Amino acid sequence: MREHSLARVMTELTVDQRGEPVPQVLLGEMPLGRIGP
């Protein structure tokens, strides 16, 4: 049940930074948010 919480927090954080939903796969591999266009 921890994975769900972590995924939710990571997704929310990413959405807050850019404002768009980021795929969980990307977050799971490497939390990148500034290495985008």
PDB file of N, CA and C in Angstrom:
ATOM      1  N   MET A   1       0.862  -1.211   0.000  1.00  0.00           N
ATOM      2  CA  MET A   1       0.000   0.000   0.000  1.00  0.00           C
ATOM      3  C   MET A   1       0.894   1.255   0.000  1.00  0.00           C
ATOM      4  N   ARG A   2       2.156   1.080   0.273  1.00  0.00           N
ATOM      5  CA  ARG A   2       3.049   2.255   0.279  1.00  0.00           C
ATOM      6  C   ARG A   2       3.267   2.719  -1.164  1.00  0.00           C
ATOM      7  N   GLU A   3       3.335   1.801  -2.085  1.00  0.00           N
ATOM      8  CA  GLU A   3       3.569   2.192  -3.493  1.00  0.00           C
ATOM      9  C   GLU A   3       2.489   3.165  -3.960  1.00  0.00           C
ATOM     10  N   HIS A   4       1.264   2.896  -3.561  1.00  0.00           N
ATOM     11  CA  HIS A   4       0.166   3.777  -4.008  1.00  0.00           C
ATOM     12  C   HIS A   4       0.373   5.192  -3.465  1.00  0.00           C
ATOM     13  N   SER A   5       0.708   5.270  -2.204  1.00  0.00           N
ATOM     14  CA  SER A   5       0.898   6.603  -1.581  1.00  0.00           C
ATOM     15  C   SER A   5       2.063   7.323  -2.259  1.00  0.00           C
ATOM     16  N   LEU A   6       3.148   6.610  -2.451  1.00  0.00           N
ATOM     17  CA  LEU A   6       4.329   7.236  -3.070  1.00  0.00           C
ATOM     18  C   LEU A   6       3.983   7.705  -4.479  1.00  0.00           C
ATOM     19  N   ALA A   7       3.337   6.844  -5.220  1.00  0.00           N
ATOM     20  CA  ALA A   7       2.978   7.199  -6.610  1.00  0.00           C
ATOM     21  C   ALA A   7       2.101   8.447  -6.589  1.00  0.00           C
ATOM     22  N   ARG A   8       1.182   8.492  -5.672  1.00  0.00           N
ATOM     23  CA  ARG A   8       0.258   9.640  -5.618  1.00  0.00           C
ATOM     24  C   ARG A   8       1.051  10.910  -5.284  1.00  0.00           C
ATOM     25  N   VAL A   9       1.886  10.857  -4.309  1.00  0.00           N
ATOM     26  CA  VAL A   9       2.670  12.043  -3.916  1.00  0.00           C
ATOM     27  C   VAL A   9       3.572  12.480  -5.070  1.00  0.00           C
ATOM     28  N   MET A  10       4.265  11.517  -5.681  1.00  0.00           N
ATOM     29  CA  MET A  10       5.170  11.864  -6.796  1.00  0.00           C
ATOM     30  C   MET A  10       4.376  12.502  -7.934  1.00  0.00           C
ATOM     31  N   THR A  11       3.232  11.894  -8.240  1.00  0.00           N
ATOM     32  CA  THR A  11       2.438  12.446  -9.353  1.00  0.00           C
ATOM     33  C   THR A  11       1.968  13.859  -8.999  1.00  0.00           C
ATOM     34  N   GLU A  12       1.513  14.030  -7.783  1.00  0.00           N
ATOM     35  CA  GLU A  12       1.024  15.371  -7.388  1.00  0.00           C
ATOM     36  C   GLU A  12       2.172  16.382  -7.459  1.00  0.00           C
ATOM     37  N   LEU A  13       3.326  15.995  -6.986  1.00  0.00           N
ATOM     38  CA  LEU A  13       4.468  16.915  -6.996  1.00  0.00           C
ATOM     39  C   LEU A  13       4.818  17.304  -8.430  1.00  0.00           C
ATOM     40  N   THR A  14       4.843  16.295  -9.297  1.00  0.00           N
ATOM     41  CA  THR A  14       5.187  16.594 -10.697  1.00  0.00           C
ATOM     42  C   THR A  14       4.126  17.491 -11.319  1.00  0.00           C
ATOM     43  N   VAL A  15       2.880  17.204 -11.034  1.00  0.00           N
ATOM     44  CA  VAL A  15       1.802  18.014 -11.623  1.00  0.00           C
ATOM     45  C   VAL A  15       1.908  19.447 -11.107  1.00  0.00           C
ATOM     46  N   ASP A  16       2.314  19.590  -9.866  1.00  0.00           N
ATOM     47  CA  ASP A  16       2.433  20.937  -9.292  1.00  0.00           C
ATOM     48  C   ASP A  16       3.587  21.694  -9.957  1.00  0.00           C
ATOM     49  N   GLN A  17       4.673  21.002 -10.217  1.00  0.00           N
ATOM     50  CA  GLN A  17       5.849  21.674 -10.802  1.00  0.00           C
ATOM     51  C   GLN A  17       5.553  22.158 -12.217  1.00  0.00           C
ATOM     52  N   ARG A  18       4.989  21.310 -13.033  1.00  0.00           N
ATOM     53  CA  ARG A  18       4.774  21.695 -14.440  1.00  0.00           C
ATOM     54  C   ARG A  18       3.306  22.053 -14.668  1.00  0.00           C
ATOM     55  N   GLY A  19       2.414  21.380 -13.978  1.00  0.00           N
ATOM     56  CA  GLY A  19       0.993  21.665 -14.206  1.00  0.00           C
ATOM     57  C   GLY A  19       0.373  20.631 -15.126  1.00  0.00           C
ATOM     58  N   GLU A  20       1.159  19.604 -15.460  1.00  0.00           N
ATOM     59  CA  GLU A  20       0.608  18.548 -16.325  1.00  0.00           C
ATOM     60  C   GLU A  20       0.919  17.186 -15.723  1.00  0.00           C
ATOM     61  N   PRO A  21       0.012  16.243 -15.876  1.00  0.00           N
ATOM     62  CA  PRO A  21       0.210  14.895 -15.317  1.00  0.00           C
ATOM     63  C   PRO A  21       1.382  14.191 -15.986  1.00  0.00           C
ATOM     64  N   VAL A  22       2.321  13.740 -15.187  1.00  0.00           N
ATOM     65  CA  VAL A  22       3.491  13.039 -15.741  1.00  0.00           C
ATOM     66  C   VAL A  22       3.327  11.533 -15.553  1.00  0.00           C
ATOM     67  N   PRO A  23       3.752  10.750 -16.493  1.00  0.00           N
ATOM     68  CA  PRO A  23       3.628   9.286 -16.382  1.00  0.00           C
ATOM     69  C   PRO A  23       4.370   8.761 -15.164  1.00  0.00           C
ATOM     70  N   GLN A  24       3.767   7.808 -14.466  1.00  0.00           N
ATOM     71  CA  GLN A  24       4.405   7.244 -13.276  1.00  0.00           C
ATOM     72  C   GLN A  24       5.672   6.489 -13.664  1.00  0.00           C
ATOM     73  N   VAL A  25       5.707   5.955 -14.863  1.00  0.00           N
ATOM     74  CA  VAL A  25       6.883   5.179 -15.291  1.00  0.00           C
ATOM     75  C   VAL A  25       8.115   6.082 -15.282  1.00  0.00           C
ATOM     76  N   LEU A  26       7.951   7.287 -15.782  1.00  0.00           N
ATOM     77  CA  LEU A  26       9.080   8.225 -15.823  1.00  0.00           C
ATOM     78  C   LEU A  26       9.546   8.522 -14.395  1.00  0.00           C
ATOM     79  N   LEU A  27       8.580   8.748 -13.521  1.00  0.00           N
ATOM     80  CA  LEU A  27       8.930   9.070 -12.136  1.00  0.00           C
ATOM     81  C   LEU A  27       9.597   7.863 -11.491  1.00  0.00           C
ATOM     82  N   GLY A  28       9.053   6.685 -11.765  1.00  0.00           N
ATOM     83  CA  GLY A  28       9.612   5.469 -11.169  1.00  0.00           C
ATOM     84  C   GLY A  28      11.062   5.276 -11.604  1.00  0.00           C
ATOM     85  N   GLU A  29      11.352   5.565 -12.863  1.00  0.00           N
ATOM     86  CA  GLU A  29      12.734   5.385 -13.349  1.00  0.00           C
ATOM     87  C   GLU A  29      13.640   6.480 -12.794  1.00  0.00           C
ATOM     88  N   MET A  30      13.311   7.725 -13.090  1.00  0.00           N
ATOM     89  CA  MET A  30      14.130   8.840 -12.593  1.00  0.00           C
ATOM     90  C   MET A  30      13.270  10.091 -12.464  1.00  0.00           C
ATOM     91  N   PRO A  31      13.223  10.685 -11.299  1.00  0.00           N
ATOM     92  CA  PRO A  31      12.412  11.893 -11.091  1.00  0.00           C
ATOM     93  C   PRO A  31      12.970  13.091 -11.859  1.00  0.00           C
ATOM     94  N   LEU A  32      12.674  13.153 -13.153  1.00  0.00           N
ATOM     95  CA  LEU A  32      13.186  14.277 -13.962  1.00  0.00           C
ATOM     96  C   LEU A  32      12.049  15.248 -14.254  1.00  0.00           C
ATOM     97  N   GLY A  33      12.280  16.495 -14.044  1.00  0.00           N
ATOM     98  CA  GLY A  33      11.215  17.477 -14.314  1.00  0.00           C
ATOM     99  C   GLY A  33      11.778  18.688 -15.045  1.00  0.00           C
ATOM    100  N   ARG A  34      13.056  18.935 -14.914  1.00  0.00           N
ATOM    101  CA  ARG A  34      13.653  20.117 -15.570  1.00  0.00           C
ATOM    102  C   ARG A  34      14.361  19.682 -16.858  1.00  0.00           C
ATOM    103  N   ILE A  35      14.502  18.388 -17.071  1.00  0.00           N
ATOM    104  CA  ILE A  35      15.210  17.936 -18.297  1.00  0.00           C
ATOM    105  C   ILE A  35      14.214  17.831 -19.444  1.00  0.00           C
ATOM    106  N   GLY A  36      13.255  18.750 -19.507  1.00  0.00           N
ATOM    107  CA  GLY A  36      12.255  18.698 -20.596  1.00  0.00           C
ATOM    108  C   GLY A  36      12.374  19.923 -21.474  1.00  0.00           C
ATOM    109  N   PRO A  37      11.645  19.923 -22.550  1.00  0.00           N
ATOM    110  CA  PRO A  37      11.689  21.071 -23.476  1.00  0.00           C
ATOM    111  C   PRO A  37      11.189  22.347 -22.830  1.00  0.00           C
TER     112      PRO A  37
END
